[in-house]
Amino acid sequence: FCWVRHAVVGGSVAVNDSRGVERLVTGPFAGLRVGPLTWMGEVDIARTQTGGGGDNDQVIAFTSLEYWARNAVSLRVAFDFHDPYDGVEEDERSRLSIGFDAFLTPFMTAGLHYRSRDSVPQDVEGNADALTVSLHAFF
């Protein structure tokens, strides 16, 4: 893990051994801030081993770029990727998100986000795009 004033680089490791299933998740992450821009990214490999030969590797990745247009308005583009079975061709899922958040008061935010999803053809919900309008109050 390395942190300097405007950047962070590191890695994460998680181990879970429960009921005969051993899972190891490892991956690097990084972030960088340059003026009003903030970039973050992470890639993880999840290895699952079972005693019955049901071993599997997954790839999970995320990246985002956020721009603070003003103190109270941020614009963000994000990309998520998941390959749940590394040995299976064309089972990947991905999502592209574009949106903005406005901090109306210290206790209220409003947002508008569009998500374009791409999955296997038989996954109707996983291929459905979405537009979300939100208003959050914090108390």
Protein backbone atom coordinates (compact mmCIF):
# COMPACT_ATOMS: atom_id res chain seq x y z
CA PHE A 1 0.00 0.00 0.00
CA CYS A 2 1.47 3.33 -1.07
CA TRP A 3 -0.22 6.67 -0.52
CA VAL A 4 0.98 10.11 -1.52
CA ARG A 5 -0.87 13.39 -1.56
CA HIS A 6 -2.83 12.75 -4.79
CA ALA A 7 -2.38 9.02 -5.48
CA VAL A 8 -2.88 5.64 -3.90
CA VAL A 9 -1.62 2.25 -5.10
CA GLY A 10 -2.09 -0.99 -3.28
CA GLY A 11 -3.46 -4.48 -3.21
CA SER A 12 -5.97 -6.52 -1.31
CA VAL A 13 -6.17 -10.16 -0.23
CA ALA A 14 -9.10 -12.03 1.27
CA VAL A 15 -9.16 -15.69 2.33
CA ASN A 16 -12.29 -17.58 3.27
CA ASP A 17 -12.19 -21.28 4.14
CA SER A 18 -15.64 -22.53 5.09
CA ARG A 19 -17.44 -25.88 4.78
CA GLY A 20 -14.88 -27.41 2.45
CA VAL A 21 -14.76 -24.44 0.10
CA GLU A 22 -11.60 -22.35 0.00
CA ARG A 23 -11.81 -18.93 -1.61
CA LEU A 24 -8.89 -16.59 -2.27
CA VAL A 25 -9.46 -13.11 -3.70
CA THR A 26 -6.47 -10.98 -4.68
CA GLY A 27 -6.00 -7.85 -6.71
CA PRO A 28 -4.35 -4.50 -7.18
CA PHE A 29 -6.08 -1.12 -6.87
CA ALA A 30 -5.09 2.43 -7.65
CA GLY A 31 -6.43 5.95 -7.53
CA LEU A 32 -5.25 9.31 -8.75
CA ARG A 33 -6.52 12.86 -8.28
CA VAL A 34 -5.46 15.63 -10.65
CA GLY A 35 -7.25 18.91 -10.02
CA PRO A 36 -11.00 18.30 -10.30
CA LEU A 37 -10.53 14.78 -11.78
CA THR A 38 -10.42 11.59 -9.71
CA TRP A 39 -9.67 8.19 -11.24
CA MET A 40 -10.06 4.87 -9.39
CA GLY A 41 -9.59 1.30 -10.55
CA GLU A 42 -9.35 -2.25 -9.24
CA VAL A 43 -8.98 -5.73 -10.74
CA ASP A 44 -9.58 -8.86 -8.66
CA ILE A 45 -9.10 -12.58 -9.28
CA ALA A 46 -11.33 -14.80 -7.14
CA ARG A 47 -10.18 -18.43 -6.93
CA THR A 48 -12.62 -20.93 -5.48
CA GLN A 49 -11.50 -24.49 -4.69
CA THR A 50 -13.78 -27.26 -3.49
CA GLY A 51 -12.88 -30.77 -2.46
CA GLY A 52 -15.11 -32.18 -5.21
CA GLY A 53 -13.19 -30.68 -8.13
CA GLY A 54 -15.47 -27.66 -8.58
CA ASP A 55 -12.58 -25.22 -8.90
CA ASN A 56 -13.31 -21.86 -10.54
CA ASP A 57 -11.59 -18.56 -11.25
CA GLN A 58 -13.47 -15.27 -11.60
CA VAL A 59 -12.29 -11.89 -12.88
CA ILE A 60 -13.88 -8.77 -11.40
CA ALA A 61 -12.86 -5.25 -12.47
CA PHE A 62 -14.00 -1.69 -11.84
CA THR A 63 -12.84 1.72 -12.97
CA SER A 64 -14.33 5.19 -12.68
CA LEU A 65 -13.50 8.76 -13.59
CA GLU A 66 -15.17 11.55 -11.64
CA TYR A 67 -15.10 15.26 -12.39
CA TRP A 68 -16.05 17.83 -9.77
CA ALA A 69 -17.63 20.55 -11.90
CA ARG A 70 -18.28 22.71 -8.85
CA ASN A 71 -18.06 22.18 -5.11
CA ALA A 72 -21.56 20.70 -5.14
CA VAL A 73 -21.78 18.93 -8.54
CA SER A 74 -19.92 15.83 -9.70
CA LEU A 75 -20.03 14.00 -13.02
CA ARG A 76 -18.97 10.34 -13.19
CA VAL A 77 -18.32 7.65 -15.78
CA ALA A 78 -17.79 4.12 -14.46
CA PHE A 79 -17.20 0.69 -15.99
CA ASP A 80 -17.73 -2.66 -14.24
CA PHE A 81 -16.71 -6.08 -15.60
CA HIS A 82 -17.36 -9.58 -14.27
CA ASP A 83 -16.32 -12.92 -15.77
CA PRO A 84 -17.95 -15.44 -13.38
CA TYR A 85 -16.44 -18.58 -14.97
CA ASP A 86 -12.98 -18.04 -16.43
CA GLY A 87 -13.16 -21.40 -18.25
CA VAL A 88 -16.47 -20.61 -20.00
CA GLU A 89 -16.39 -18.54 -23.18
CA GLU A 90 -18.73 -15.56 -23.57
CA ASP A 91 -20.29 -15.47 -20.09
CA GLU A 92 -18.92 -12.03 -19.23
CA ARG A 93 -21.07 -9.22 -17.89
CA SER A 94 -20.30 -5.52 -18.05
CA ARG A 95 -21.93 -2.22 -17.16
CA LEU A 96 -21.23 1.35 -18.21
CA SER A 97 -22.62 4.06 -15.93
CA ILE A 98 -22.81 7.78 -16.65
CA GLY A 99 -24.35 10.28 -14.28
CA PHE A 100 -24.15 13.26 -12.02
CA ASP A 101 -24.84 14.06 -8.38
CA ALA A 102 -25.69 17.47 -6.98
CA PHE A 103 -25.32 18.27 -3.30
CA LEU A 104 -28.31 20.58 -2.79
CA THR A 105 -27.78 21.12 0.93
CA PRO A 106 -25.44 19.50 3.47
CA PHE A 107 -28.26 16.98 4.09
CA MET A 108 -29.72 16.38 0.60
CA THR A 109 -28.42 15.15 -2.75
CA ALA A 110 -30.05 14.66 -6.14
CA GLY A 111 -28.75 12.44 -8.90
CA LEU A 112 -29.37 11.28 -12.45
CA HIS A 113 -27.64 8.11 -13.67
CA TYR A 114 -27.84 6.06 -16.86
CA ARG A 115 -26.59 2.47 -16.93
CA SER A 116 -25.99 0.42 -20.05
CA ARG A 117 -25.65 -3.28 -19.22
CA ASP A 118 -24.31 -6.10 -21.37
CA SER A 119 -24.70 -9.77 -20.44
CA VAL A 120 -25.35 -13.14 -22.03
CA PRO A 121 -28.35 -13.08 -24.44
CA GLN A 122 -30.67 -15.12 -22.19
CA ASP A 123 -30.19 -12.71 -19.25
CA VAL A 124 -32.98 -10.23 -20.03
CA GLU A 125 -32.51 -8.19 -16.84
CA GLY A 126 -28.72 -8.19 -17.27
CA ASN A 127 -29.11 -6.60 -20.72
CA ALA A 128 -31.66 -3.96 -19.69
CA ASP A 129 -30.52 -0.35 -19.63
CA ALA A 130 -31.69 1.81 -16.75
CA LEU A 131 -32.20 5.49 -16.01
CA THR A 132 -32.32 6.38 -12.31
CA VAL A 133 -33.40 9.67 -10.79
CA SER A 134 -32.74 9.95 -7.05
CA LEU A 135 -33.21 12.31 -4.15
CA HIS A 136 -31.44 11.38 -0.90
CA ALA A 137 -32.01 13.03 2.45
CA PHE A 138 -29.51 12.44 5.28
CA PHE A 139 -30.52 12.91 8.89
